Amino acid sequence: MEKDINRIKVALVENKRTNKWLAEQLGKDPGTVSKWCTNTLQPNLETLVRIAECLGVDVKDLLWSNKKNT
């Protein structure tokens, strides 16, 4: 069972941005960004920080928490 790790797609929607826009900002292939958004592929930590900067969010906001609320 695959597990969603990142919230990049959610953050893009919240910021009213598209995969294509993010790909242009990062100089990446739109297909790569699409894979990040579907959690098929994960960006490295440096790229995750750049994504957070582009979206104006904290890098923690791009990751699903591994802690359960009790």
PDB file of N, CA and C in Angstrom:
ATOM      1  N   MET A   1       0.832  -1.177   0.000  1.00  0.00           N
ATOM      2  CA  MET A   1       0.000   0.000   0.000  1.00  0.00           C
ATOM      3  C   MET A   1       0.878   1.243   0.000  1.00  0.00           C
ATOM      4  N   GLU A   2       0.723   2.076  -1.023  1.00  0.00           N
ATOM      5  CA  GLU A   2       1.497   3.309  -1.097  1.00  0.00           C
ATOM      6  C   GLU A   2       0.885   4.355  -0.180  1.00  0.00           C
ATOM      7  N   LYS A   3       1.750   5.187   0.357  1.00  0.00           N
ATOM      8  CA  LYS A   3       1.305   6.197   1.313  1.00  0.00           C
ATOM      9  C   LYS A   3       1.625   7.581   0.764  1.00  0.00           C
ATOM     10  N   ASP A   4       0.680   8.495   0.881  1.00  0.00           N
ATOM     11  CA  ASP A   4       0.944   9.877   0.496  1.00  0.00           C
ATOM     12  C   ASP A   4       1.923  10.476   1.483  1.00  0.00           C
ATOM     13  N   ILE A   5       2.980  11.070   0.971  1.00  0.00           N
ATOM     14  CA  ILE A   5       4.008  11.657   1.818  1.00  0.00           C
ATOM     15  C   ILE A   5       3.929  13.177   1.782  1.00  0.00           C
ATOM     16  N   ASN A   6       3.759  13.718   0.576  1.00  0.00           N
ATOM     17  CA  ASN A   6       3.761  15.175   0.476  1.00  0.00           C
ATOM     18  C   ASN A   6       2.369  15.730   0.186  1.00  0.00           C
ATOM     19  N   ARG A   7       2.230  17.022   0.461  1.00  0.00           N
ATOM     20  CA  ARG A   7       0.977  17.762   0.261  1.00  0.00           C
ATOM     21  C   ARG A   7       1.148  18.823  -0.827  1.00  0.00           C
ATOM     22  N   ILE A   8       2.022  18.591  -1.777  1.00  0.00           N
ATOM     23  CA  ILE A   8       2.313  19.608  -2.785  1.00  0.00           C
ATOM     24  C   ILE A   8       1.050  19.987  -3.561  1.00  0.00           C
ATOM     25  N   LYS A   9       0.286  19.003  -3.984  1.00  0.00           N
ATOM     26  CA  LYS A   9      -0.937  19.291  -4.749  1.00  0.00           C
ATOM     27  C   LYS A   9      -1.910  20.126  -3.919  1.00  0.00           C
ATOM     28  N   VAL A  10      -2.064  19.791  -2.647  1.00  0.00           N
ATOM     29  CA  VAL A  10      -2.961  20.541  -1.757  1.00  0.00           C
ATOM     30  C   VAL A  10      -2.468  21.983  -1.625  1.00  0.00           C
ATOM     31  N   ALA A  11      -1.163  22.148  -1.442  1.00  0.00           N
ATOM     32  CA  ALA A  11      -0.591  23.492  -1.294  1.00  0.00           C
ATOM     33  C   ALA A  11      -0.768  24.306  -2.574  1.00  0.00           C
ATOM     34  N   LEU A  12      -0.638  23.673  -3.728  1.00  0.00           N
ATOM     35  CA  LEU A  12      -0.860  24.377  -4.990  1.00  0.00           C
ATOM     36  C   LEU A  12      -2.303  24.866  -5.084  1.00  0.00           C
ATOM     37  N   VAL A  13      -3.248  24.005  -4.742  1.00  0.00           N
ATOM     38  CA  VAL A  13      -4.664  24.378  -4.795  1.00  0.00           C
ATOM     39  C   VAL A  13      -4.941  25.512  -3.813  1.00  0.00           C
ATOM     40  N   GLU A  14      -4.423  25.399  -2.601  1.00  0.00           N
ATOM     41  CA  GLU A  14      -4.647  26.438  -1.591  1.00  0.00           C
ATOM     42  C   GLU A  14      -4.101  27.794  -2.041  1.00  0.00           C
ATOM     43  N   ASN A  15      -3.028  27.763  -2.842  1.00  0.00           N
ATOM     44  CA  ASN A  15      -2.405  28.999  -3.327  1.00  0.00           C
ATOM     45  C   ASN A  15      -2.852  29.375  -4.738  1.00  0.00           C
ATOM     46  N   LYS A  16      -3.854  28.645  -5.242  1.00  0.00           N
ATOM     47  CA  LYS A  16      -4.407  28.898  -6.580  1.00  0.00           C
ATOM     48  C   LYS A  16      -3.317  28.908  -7.659  1.00  0.00           C
ATOM     49  N   ARG A  17      -2.452  27.906  -7.583  1.00  0.00           N
ATOM     50  CA  ARG A  17      -1.356  27.732  -8.555  1.00  0.00           C
ATOM     51  C   ARG A  17      -1.500  26.375  -9.226  1.00  0.00           C
ATOM     52  N   THR A  18      -0.830  26.229 -10.372  1.00  0.00           N
ATOM     53  CA  THR A  18      -0.903  24.981 -11.132  1.00  0.00           C
ATOM     54  C   THR A  18       0.441  24.258 -11.134  1.00  0.00           C
ATOM     55  N   ASN A  19       0.387  22.988 -11.533  1.00  0.00           N
ATOM     56  CA  ASN A  19       1.617  22.203 -11.696  1.00  0.00           C
ATOM     57  C   ASN A  19       2.539  22.893 -12.698  1.00  0.00           C
ATOM     58  N   LYS A  20       1.944  23.383 -13.784  1.00  0.00           N
ATOM     59  CA  LYS A  20       2.726  24.039 -14.831  1.00  0.00           C
ATOM     60  C   LYS A  20       3.448  25.269 -14.271  1.00  0.00           C
ATOM     61  N   TRP A  21       2.755  26.067 -13.475  1.00  0.00           N
ATOM     62  CA  TRP A  21       3.367  27.246 -12.867  1.00  0.00           C
ATOM     63  C   TRP A  21       4.550  26.841 -12.001  1.00  0.00           C
ATOM     64  N   LEU A  22       4.373  25.821 -11.170  1.00  0.00           N
ATOM     65  CA  LEU A  22       5.452  25.377 -10.288  1.00  0.00           C
ATOM     66  C   LEU A  22       6.635  24.855 -11.100  1.00  0.00           C
ATOM     67  N   ALA A  23       6.357  24.102 -12.146  1.00  0.00           N
ATOM     68  CA  ALA A  23       7.428  23.592 -13.007  1.00  0.00           C
ATOM     69  C   ALA A  23       8.236  24.746 -13.600  1.00  0.00           C
ATOM     70  N   GLU A  24       7.555  25.792 -14.039  1.00  0.00           N
ATOM     71  CA  GLU A  24       8.243  26.957 -14.604  1.00  0.00           C
ATOM     72  C   GLU A  24       9.092  27.658 -13.548  1.00  0.00           C
ATOM     73  N   GLN A  25       8.562  27.786 -12.330  1.00  0.00           N
ATOM     74  CA  GLN A  25       9.300  28.449 -11.253  1.00  0.00           C
ATOM     75  C   GLN A  25      10.579  27.702 -10.896  1.00  0.00           C
ATOM     76  N   LEU A  26      10.512  26.376 -10.959  1.00  0.00           N
ATOM     77  CA  LEU A  26      11.637  25.546 -10.544  1.00  0.00           C
ATOM     78  C   LEU A  26      12.542  25.133 -11.699  1.00  0.00           C
ATOM     79  N   GLY A  27      12.110  25.394 -12.932  1.00  0.00           N
ATOM     80  CA  GLY A  27      12.885  24.938 -14.093  1.00  0.00           C
ATOM     81  C   GLY A  27      12.866  23.423 -14.229  1.00  0.00           C
ATOM     82  N   LYS A  28      11.731  22.836 -13.861  1.00  0.00           N
ATOM     83  CA  LYS A  28      11.568  21.378 -13.908  1.00  0.00           C
ATOM     84  C   LYS A  28      10.565  21.004 -14.986  1.00  0.00           C
ATOM     85  N   ASP A  29      10.600  19.752 -15.396  1.00  0.00           N
ATOM     86  CA  ASP A  29       9.646  19.223 -16.356  1.00  0.00           C
ATOM     87  C   ASP A  29       8.270  19.127 -15.687  1.00  0.00           C
ATOM     88  N   PRO A  30       7.212  19.559 -16.371  1.00  0.00           N
ATOM     89  CA  PRO A  30       5.871  19.461 -15.789  1.00  0.00           C
ATOM     90  C   PRO A  30       5.485  18.032 -15.396  1.00  0.00           C
ATOM     91  N   GLY A  31       6.000  17.050 -16.126  1.00  0.00           N
ATOM     92  CA  GLY A  31       5.728  15.648 -15.789  1.00  0.00           C
ATOM     93  C   GLY A  31       6.298  15.261 -14.439  1.00  0.00           C
ATOM     94  N   THR A  32       7.456  15.819 -14.108  1.00  0.00           N
ATOM     95  CA  THR A  32       8.070  15.552 -12.810  1.00  0.00           C
ATOM     96  C   THR A  32       7.219  16.145 -11.695  1.00  0.00           C
ATOM     97  N   VAL A  33       6.771  17.370 -11.882  1.00  0.00           N
ATOM     98  CA  VAL A  33       5.925  18.027 -10.880  1.00  0.00           C
ATOM     99  C   VAL A  33       4.624  17.243 -10.712  1.00  0.00           C
ATOM    100  N   SER A  34       4.072  16.753 -11.809  1.00  0.00           N
ATOM    101  CA  SER A  34       2.857  15.949 -11.739  1.00  0.00           C
ATOM    102  C   SER A  34       3.078  14.698 -10.894  1.00  0.00           C
ATOM    103  N   LYS A  35       4.221  14.068 -11.049  1.00  0.00           N
ATOM    104  CA  LYS A  35       4.534  12.869 -10.249  1.00  0.00           C
ATOM    105  C   LYS A  35       4.669  13.210  -8.771  1.00  0.00           C
ATOM    106  N   TRP A  36       5.224  14.391  -8.480  1.00  0.00           N
ATOM    107  CA  TRP A  36       5.295  14.818  -7.074  1.00  0.00           C
ATOM    108  C   TRP A  36       3.889  14.985  -6.516  1.00  0.00           C
ATOM    109  N   CYS A  37       3.006  15.589  -7.314  1.00  0.00           N
ATOM    110  CA  CYS A  37       1.645  15.885  -6.856  1.00  0.00           C
ATOM    111  C   CYS A  37       0.815  14.627  -6.636  1.00  0.00           C
ATOM    112  N   THR A  38       1.141  13.567  -7.329  1.00  0.00           N
ATOM    113  CA  THR A  38       0.418  12.301  -7.158  1.00  0.00           C
ATOM    114  C   THR A  38       1.161  11.360  -6.222  1.00  0.00           C
ATOM    115  N   ASN A  39       2.265  11.819  -5.653  1.00  0.00           N
ATOM    116  CA  ASN A  39       3.092  11.033  -4.743  1.00  0.00           C
ATOM    117  C   ASN A  39       3.674   9.783  -5.400  1.00  0.00           C
ATOM    118  N   THR A  40       3.806   9.822  -6.730  1.00  0.00           N
ATOM    119  CA  THR A  40       4.461   8.741  -7.455  1.00  0.00           C
ATOM    120  C   THR A  40       5.975   8.854  -7.291  1.00  0.00           C
ATOM    121  N   LEU A  41       6.435  10.083  -7.154  1.00  0.00           N
ATOM    122  CA  LEU A  41       7.845  10.416  -7.008  1.00  0.00           C
ATOM    123  C   LEU A  41       7.935  11.504  -5.950  1.00  0.00           C
ATOM    124  N   GLN A  42       9.033  11.535  -5.198  1.00  0.00           N
ATOM    125  CA  GLN A  42       9.200  12.555  -4.165  1.00  0.00           C
ATOM    126  C   GLN A  42      10.367  13.470  -4.524  1.00  0.00           C
ATOM    127  N   PRO A  43      10.189  14.777  -4.317  1.00  0.00           N
ATOM    128  CA  PRO A  43      11.309  15.695  -4.547  1.00  0.00           C
ATOM    129  C   PRO A  43      12.343  15.536  -3.438  1.00  0.00           C
ATOM    130  N   ASN A  44      13.594  15.894  -3.745  1.00  0.00           N
ATOM    131  CA  ASN A  44      14.601  15.851  -2.691  1.00  0.00           C
ATOM    132  C   ASN A  44      14.376  17.020  -1.735  1.00  0.00           C
ATOM    133  N   LEU A  45      15.073  17.024  -0.634  1.00  0.00           N
ATOM    134  CA  LEU A  45      14.853  18.029   0.403  1.00  0.00           C
ATOM    135  C   LEU A  45      15.134  19.438  -0.099  1.00  0.00           C
ATOM    136  N   GLU A  46      16.190  19.612  -0.873  1.00  0.00           N
ATOM    137  CA  GLU A  46      16.521  20.933  -1.419  1.00  0.00           C
ATOM    138  C   GLU A  46      15.381  21.448  -2.295  1.00  0.00           C
ATOM    139  N   THR A  47      14.838  20.586  -3.126  1.00  0.00           N
ATOM    140  CA  THR A  47      13.737  20.973  -4.001  1.00  0.00           C
ATOM    141  C   THR A  47      12.478  21.264  -3.189  1.00  0.00           C
ATOM    142  N   LEU A  48      12.240  20.490  -2.147  1.00  0.00           N
ATOM    143  CA  LEU A  48      11.084  20.727  -1.292  1.00  0.00           C
ATOM    144  C   LEU A  48      11.156  22.114  -0.659  1.00  0.00           C
ATOM    145  N   VAL A  49      12.355  22.526  -0.248  1.00  0.00           N
ATOM    146  CA  VAL A  49      12.546  23.861   0.313  1.00  0.00           C
ATOM    147  C   VAL A  49      12.259  24.917  -0.744  1.00  0.00           C
ATOM    148  N   ARG A  50      12.712  24.698  -1.968  1.00  0.00           N
ATOM    149  CA  ARG A  50      12.449  25.651  -3.056  1.00  0.00           C
ATOM    150  C   ARG A  50      10.960  25.741  -3.362  1.00  0.00           C
ATOM    151  N   ILE A  51      10.256  24.605  -3.310  1.00  0.00           N
ATOM    152  CA  ILE A  51       8.811  24.601  -3.539  1.00  0.00           C
ATOM    153  C   ILE A  51       8.122  25.448  -2.465  1.00  0.00           C
ATOM    154  N   ALA A  52       8.520  25.244  -1.226  1.00  0.00           N
ATOM    155  CA  ALA A  52       7.943  26.019  -0.121  1.00  0.00           C
ATOM    156  C   ALA A  52       8.173  27.512  -0.323  1.00  0.00           C
ATOM    157  N   GLU A  53       9.363  27.885  -0.761  1.00  0.00           N
ATOM    158  CA  GLU A  53       9.668  29.292  -1.017  1.00  0.00           C
ATOM    159  C   GLU A  53       8.793  29.847  -2.132  1.00  0.00           C
ATOM    160  N   CYS A  54       8.617  29.096  -3.204  1.00  0.00           N
ATOM    161  CA  CYS A  54       7.781  29.545  -4.320  1.00  0.00           C
ATOM    162  C   CYS A  54       6.339  29.766  -3.891  1.00  0.00           C
ATOM    163  N   LEU A  55       5.851  28.904  -3.008  1.00  0.00           N
ATOM    164  CA  LEU A  55       4.456  28.980  -2.574  1.00  0.00           C
ATOM    165  C   LEU A  55       4.264  29.860  -1.346  1.00  0.00           C
ATOM    166  N   GLY A  56       5.367  30.295  -0.763  1.00  0.00           N
ATOM    167  CA  GLY A  56       5.270  31.154   0.420  1.00  0.00           C
ATOM    168  C   GLY A  56       4.732  30.427   1.637  1.00  0.00           C
ATOM    169  N   VAL A  57       5.093  29.159   1.765  1.00  0.00           N
ATOM    170  CA  VAL A  57       4.643  28.362   2.907  1.00  0.00           C
ATOM    171  C   VAL A  57       5.847  27.788   3.635  1.00  0.00           C
ATOM    172  N   ASP A  58       5.609  27.319   4.853  1.00  0.00           N
ATOM    173  CA  ASP A  58       6.650  26.613   5.603  1.00  0.00           C
ATOM    174  C   ASP A  58       6.826  25.232   4.990  1.00  0.00           C
ATOM    175  N   VAL A  59       8.048  24.761   4.933  1.00  0.00           N
ATOM    176  CA  VAL A  59       8.314  23.450   4.334  1.00  0.00           C
ATOM    177  C   VAL A  59       7.509  22.354   5.042  1.00  0.00           C
ATOM    178  N   LYS A  60       7.232  22.517   6.320  1.00  0.00           N
ATOM    179  CA  LYS A  60       6.425  21.531   7.053  1.00  0.00           C
ATOM    180  C   LYS A  60       5.013  21.432   6.495  1.00  0.00           C
ATOM    181  N   ASP A  61       4.524  22.511   5.891  1.00  0.00           N
ATOM    182  CA  ASP A  61       3.184  22.508   5.317  1.00  0.00           C
ATOM    183  C   ASP A  61       3.089  21.651   4.060  1.00  0.00           C
ATOM    184  N   LEU A  62       4.225  21.239   3.537  1.00  0.00           N
ATOM    185  CA  LEU A  62       4.237  20.418   2.319  1.00  0.00           C
ATOM    186  C   LEU A  62       4.292  18.927   2.616  1.00  0.00           C
ATOM    187  N   LEU A  63       4.327  18.578   3.894  1.00  0.00           N
ATOM    188  CA  LEU A  63       4.422  17.171   4.287  1.00  0.00           C
ATOM    189  C   LEU A  63       3.238  16.775   5.154  1.00  0.00           C
ATOM    190  N   TRP A  64       2.762  15.552   4.954  1.00  0.00           N
ATOM    191  CA  TRP A  64       1.732  15.020   5.836  1.00  0.00           C
ATOM    192  C   TRP A  64       2.399  14.652   7.141  1.00  0.00           C
ATOM    193  N   SER A  65       1.779  14.935   8.250  1.00  0.00           N
ATOM    194  CA  SER A  65       2.313  14.571   9.554  1.00  0.00           C
ATOM    195  C   SER A  65       2.273  13.066   9.741  1.00  0.00           C
ATOM    196  N   ASN A  66       3.294  12.543  10.415  1.00  0.00           N
ATOM    197  CA  ASN A  66       3.306  11.115  10.707  1.00  0.00           C
ATOM    198  C   ASN A  66       2.770  10.849  12.112  1.00  0.00           C
ATOM    199  N   LYS A  67       2.359  11.903  12.814  1.00  0.00           N
ATOM    200  CA  LYS A  67       1.812  11.751  14.156  1.00  0.00           C
ATOM    201  C   LYS A  67       0.291  11.775  14.095  1.00  0.00           C
ATOM    202  N   LYS A  68      -0.313  10.914  14.884  1.00  0.00           N
ATOM    203  CA  LYS A  68      -1.769  10.860  14.934  1.00  0.00           C
ATOM    204  C   LYS A  68      -2.250  11.750  16.063  1.00  0.00           C
ATOM    205  N   ASN A  69      -3.347  12.447  15.817  1.00  0.00           N
ATOM    206  CA  ASN A  69      -3.952  13.259  16.883  1.00  0.00           C
ATOM    207  C   ASN A  69      -4.613  12.323  17.891  1.00  0.00           C
ATOM    208  N   THR A  70      -4.336  12.566  19.149  1.00  0.00           N
ATOM    209  CA  THR A  70      -4.933  11.698  20.186  1.00  0.00           C
ATOM    210  C   THR A  70      -5.842  12.481  21.079  1.00  0.00           C
TER     211      THR A  70
END
